[in-house]
Amino acid sequence: MKEMIEHVARMLVDDPEKVVVQEKKREDLTVFELRVDKQDLGRVIGKNGRTAHAIRSLLGILSARAGERALLEIVE
């Protein structure tokens, strides 16, 4: 799941080397923190949050198939 988030984010941004995804485990939930360059933040969020919603939907599908719960946080 972490690799999928990194791959999608790197395809969207101008500076793919600054894409960082950290995985944090909480009780029954995995939180993925996505960090990108400040200038690329709008590309990852998208107009009205559509791109971020699409990434979160993909993450939800993958985590459900794995029998887990996951959450994506886009950190500034």
N, C-alpha and C. Protein backbone atom coordinates (compact mmCIF):
# COMPACT_ATOMS: atom_id res chain seq x y z
N MET A 1 0.83 -1.19 0.00
CA MET A 1 0.00 0.00 0.00
C MET A 1 0.88 1.26 0.00
N LYS A 2 1.94 1.21 0.79
CA LYS A 2 2.84 2.36 0.84
C LYS A 2 3.46 2.62 -0.53
N GLU A 3 3.82 1.54 -1.21
CA GLU A 3 4.43 1.67 -2.54
C GLU A 3 3.45 2.26 -3.54
N MET A 4 2.18 1.89 -3.43
CA MET A 4 1.16 2.42 -4.34
C MET A 4 1.01 3.93 -4.15
N ILE A 5 0.98 4.38 -2.90
CA ILE A 5 0.85 5.80 -2.62
C ILE A 5 2.06 6.56 -3.17
N GLU A 6 3.26 6.02 -2.92
CA GLU A 6 4.47 6.67 -3.44
C GLU A 6 4.45 6.74 -4.96
N HIS A 7 4.07 5.66 -5.59
CA HIS A 7 4.06 5.61 -7.06
C HIS A 7 3.09 6.63 -7.64
N VAL A 8 1.89 6.66 -7.14
CA VAL A 8 0.87 7.60 -7.64
C VAL A 8 1.31 9.04 -7.40
N ALA A 9 1.81 9.32 -6.21
CA ALA A 9 2.24 10.69 -5.89
C ALA A 9 3.40 11.12 -6.77
N ARG A 10 4.35 10.23 -7.02
CA ARG A 10 5.50 10.58 -7.88
C ARG A 10 5.08 10.84 -9.31
N MET A 11 4.04 10.19 -9.76
CA MET A 11 3.55 10.42 -11.12
C MET A 11 2.85 11.78 -11.24
N LEU A 12 2.36 12.31 -10.14
CA LEU A 12 1.61 13.56 -10.16
C LEU A 12 2.46 14.81 -10.00
N VAL A 13 3.55 14.71 -9.26
CA VAL A 13 4.30 15.91 -8.87
C VAL A 13 5.42 16.24 -9.86
N ASP A 14 5.93 17.48 -9.75
CA ASP A 14 7.05 17.92 -10.56
C ASP A 14 8.39 17.45 -9.99
N ASP A 15 8.47 17.31 -8.67
CA ASP A 15 9.71 16.91 -8.01
C ASP A 15 9.49 15.58 -7.27
N PRO A 16 9.57 14.45 -7.99
CA PRO A 16 9.26 13.16 -7.37
C PRO A 16 10.22 12.73 -6.28
N GLU A 17 11.40 13.33 -6.23
CA GLU A 17 12.37 12.94 -5.20
C GLU A 17 11.98 13.44 -3.81
N LYS A 18 11.09 14.40 -3.75
CA LYS A 18 10.66 14.94 -2.46
C LYS A 18 9.40 14.27 -1.93
N VAL A 19 8.94 13.21 -2.58
CA VAL A 19 7.78 12.46 -2.10
C VAL A 19 8.24 11.52 -0.99
N VAL A 20 7.60 11.65 0.16
CA VAL A 20 7.93 10.80 1.31
C VAL A 20 6.63 10.26 1.88
N VAL A 21 6.57 8.95 2.09
CA VAL A 21 5.40 8.34 2.71
C VAL A 21 5.87 7.62 3.96
N GLN A 22 5.30 7.99 5.10
CA GLN A 22 5.61 7.32 6.35
C GLN A 22 4.41 6.50 6.79
N GLU A 23 4.68 5.31 7.27
CA GLU A 23 3.63 4.40 7.71
C GLU A 23 3.65 4.34 9.23
N LYS A 24 2.51 4.62 9.84
CA LYS A 24 2.41 4.59 11.30
C LYS A 24 1.28 3.65 11.68
N LYS A 25 1.60 2.70 12.53
CA LYS A 25 0.61 1.72 12.99
C LYS A 25 -0.04 2.21 14.27
N ARG A 26 -1.34 2.16 14.29
CA ARG A 26 -2.13 2.41 15.49
C ARG A 26 -3.02 1.20 15.67
N GLU A 27 -3.38 0.88 16.84
CA GLU A 27 -4.18 -0.29 17.19
C GLU A 27 -4.62 -1.12 15.98
N ASP A 28 -5.75 -0.81 15.38
CA ASP A 28 -6.25 -1.59 14.24
C ASP A 28 -6.25 -0.77 12.96
N LEU A 29 -5.42 0.27 12.92
CA LEU A 29 -5.43 1.20 11.80
C LEU A 29 -4.00 1.54 11.40
N THR A 30 -3.76 1.63 10.10
CA THR A 30 -2.48 2.08 9.59
C THR A 30 -2.68 3.45 8.97
N VAL A 31 -1.89 4.41 9.41
CA VAL A 31 -1.97 5.77 8.89
C VAL A 31 -0.75 6.01 8.00
N PHE A 32 -1.01 6.42 6.77
CA PHE A 32 0.05 6.76 5.83
C PHE A 32 0.10 8.28 5.72
N GLU A 33 1.27 8.85 6.04
CA GLU A 33 1.47 10.29 5.94
C GLU A 33 2.22 10.58 4.65
N LEU A 34 1.61 11.33 3.77
CA LEU A 34 2.20 11.69 2.49
C LEU A 34 2.73 13.12 2.57
N ARG A 35 4.01 13.28 2.28
CA ARG A 35 4.63 14.60 2.25
C ARG A 35 5.21 14.83 0.86
N VAL A 36 4.91 16.00 0.31
CA VAL A 36 5.44 16.40 -0.99
C VAL A 36 5.97 17.83 -0.87
N ASP A 37 6.67 18.28 -1.90
CA ASP A 37 7.15 19.66 -1.93
C ASP A 37 5.95 20.59 -1.85
N LYS A 38 6.14 21.71 -1.20
CA LYS A 38 5.04 22.66 -0.99
C LYS A 38 4.40 23.09 -2.31
N GLN A 39 5.19 23.23 -3.36
CA GLN A 39 4.67 23.64 -4.65
C GLN A 39 3.86 22.54 -5.34
N ASP A 40 4.05 21.30 -4.93
CA ASP A 40 3.32 20.18 -5.53
C ASP A 40 2.09 19.77 -4.73
N LEU A 41 1.85 20.42 -3.62
CA LEU A 41 0.73 20.06 -2.76
C LEU A 41 -0.61 20.13 -3.49
N GLY A 42 -0.79 21.17 -4.29
CA GLY A 42 -2.04 21.32 -5.03
C GLY A 42 -2.26 20.22 -6.05
N ARG A 43 -1.18 19.71 -6.63
CA ARG A 43 -1.30 18.61 -7.59
C ARG A 43 -1.78 17.32 -6.93
N VAL A 44 -1.33 17.09 -5.71
CA VAL A 44 -1.71 15.86 -5.00
C VAL A 44 -3.13 15.96 -4.46
N ILE A 45 -3.52 17.15 -4.04
CA ILE A 45 -4.88 17.34 -3.53
C ILE A 45 -5.88 17.41 -4.67
N GLY A 46 -5.55 18.15 -5.72
CA GLY A 46 -6.43 18.26 -6.88
C GLY A 46 -7.55 19.26 -6.66
N LYS A 47 -8.24 19.54 -7.73
CA LYS A 47 -9.35 20.50 -7.68
C LYS A 47 -10.48 19.93 -6.84
N ASN A 48 -10.87 20.70 -5.84
CA ASN A 48 -11.91 20.29 -4.88
C ASN A 48 -11.57 18.97 -4.18
N GLY A 49 -10.28 18.63 -4.10
CA GLY A 49 -9.86 17.42 -3.40
C GLY A 49 -10.11 16.13 -4.15
N ARG A 50 -10.36 16.22 -5.44
CA ARG A 50 -10.71 15.02 -6.22
C ARG A 50 -9.56 14.03 -6.31
N THR A 51 -8.34 14.53 -6.51
CA THR A 51 -7.19 13.62 -6.63
C THR A 51 -6.93 12.93 -5.29
N ALA A 52 -6.96 13.68 -4.21
CA ALA A 52 -6.76 13.09 -2.89
C ALA A 52 -7.84 12.06 -2.59
N HIS A 53 -9.06 12.35 -2.97
CA HIS A 53 -10.16 11.41 -2.76
C HIS A 53 -9.94 10.12 -3.57
N ALA A 54 -9.44 10.26 -4.79
CA ALA A 54 -9.18 9.08 -5.63
C ALA A 54 -8.07 8.21 -5.01
N ILE A 55 -7.02 8.85 -4.51
CA ILE A 55 -5.94 8.09 -3.88
C ILE A 55 -6.46 7.39 -2.63
N ARG A 56 -7.27 8.08 -1.86
CA ARG A 56 -7.85 7.48 -0.65
C ARG A 56 -8.78 6.32 -1.00
N SER A 57 -9.50 6.42 -2.11
CA SER A 57 -10.38 5.33 -2.54
C SER A 57 -9.56 4.10 -2.90
N LEU A 58 -8.47 4.30 -3.64
CA LEU A 58 -7.59 3.18 -3.99
C LEU A 58 -7.01 2.54 -2.73
N LEU A 59 -6.60 3.36 -1.79
CA LEU A 59 -6.05 2.85 -0.53
C LEU A 59 -7.12 2.05 0.23
N GLY A 60 -8.35 2.54 0.22
CA GLY A 60 -9.44 1.83 0.89
C GLY A 60 -9.69 0.46 0.29
N ILE A 61 -9.64 0.38 -1.03
CA ILE A 61 -9.85 -0.89 -1.72
C ILE A 61 -8.73 -1.87 -1.38
N LEU A 62 -7.48 -1.40 -1.47
CA LEU A 62 -6.34 -2.27 -1.17
C LEU A 62 -6.34 -2.74 0.28
N SER A 63 -6.66 -1.84 1.19
CA SER A 63 -6.66 -2.23 2.60
C SER A 63 -7.81 -3.19 2.91
N ALA A 64 -8.95 -3.00 2.28
CA ALA A 64 -10.08 -3.91 2.50
C ALA A 64 -9.75 -5.32 2.00
N ARG A 65 -9.09 -5.38 0.85
CA ARG A 65 -8.68 -6.70 0.32
C ARG A 65 -7.71 -7.41 1.24
N ALA A 66 -6.88 -6.62 1.92
CA ALA A 66 -5.90 -7.19 2.85
C ALA A 66 -6.50 -7.43 4.23
N GLY A 67 -7.75 -7.04 4.43
CA GLY A 67 -8.41 -7.22 5.72
C GLY A 67 -7.91 -6.24 6.77
N GLU A 68 -7.48 -5.07 6.34
CA GLU A 68 -6.95 -4.06 7.24
C GLU A 68 -7.72 -2.76 7.08
N ARG A 69 -7.42 -1.80 7.95
CA ARG A 69 -7.96 -0.45 7.82
C ARG A 69 -6.78 0.49 7.62
N ALA A 70 -6.92 1.41 6.67
CA ALA A 70 -5.85 2.35 6.39
C ALA A 70 -6.42 3.73 6.13
N LEU A 71 -5.60 4.73 6.42
CA LEU A 71 -5.99 6.13 6.29
C LEU A 71 -4.83 6.90 5.67
N LEU A 72 -5.14 7.83 4.77
CA LEU A 72 -4.12 8.66 4.15
C LEU A 72 -4.25 10.08 4.67
N GLU A 73 -3.13 10.60 5.18
CA GLU A 73 -3.06 12.00 5.60
C GLU A 73 -2.05 12.70 4.71
N ILE A 74 -2.45 13.80 4.11
CA ILE A 74 -1.54 14.59 3.30
C ILE A 74 -1.03 15.71 4.18
N VAL A 75 0.26 15.66 4.49
CA VAL A 75 0.88 16.58 5.44
C VAL A 75 1.57 17.70 4.68
N GLU A 76 1.36 18.91 5.13
CA GLU A 76 1.96 20.07 4.47
C GLU A 76 3.42 20.22 4.81
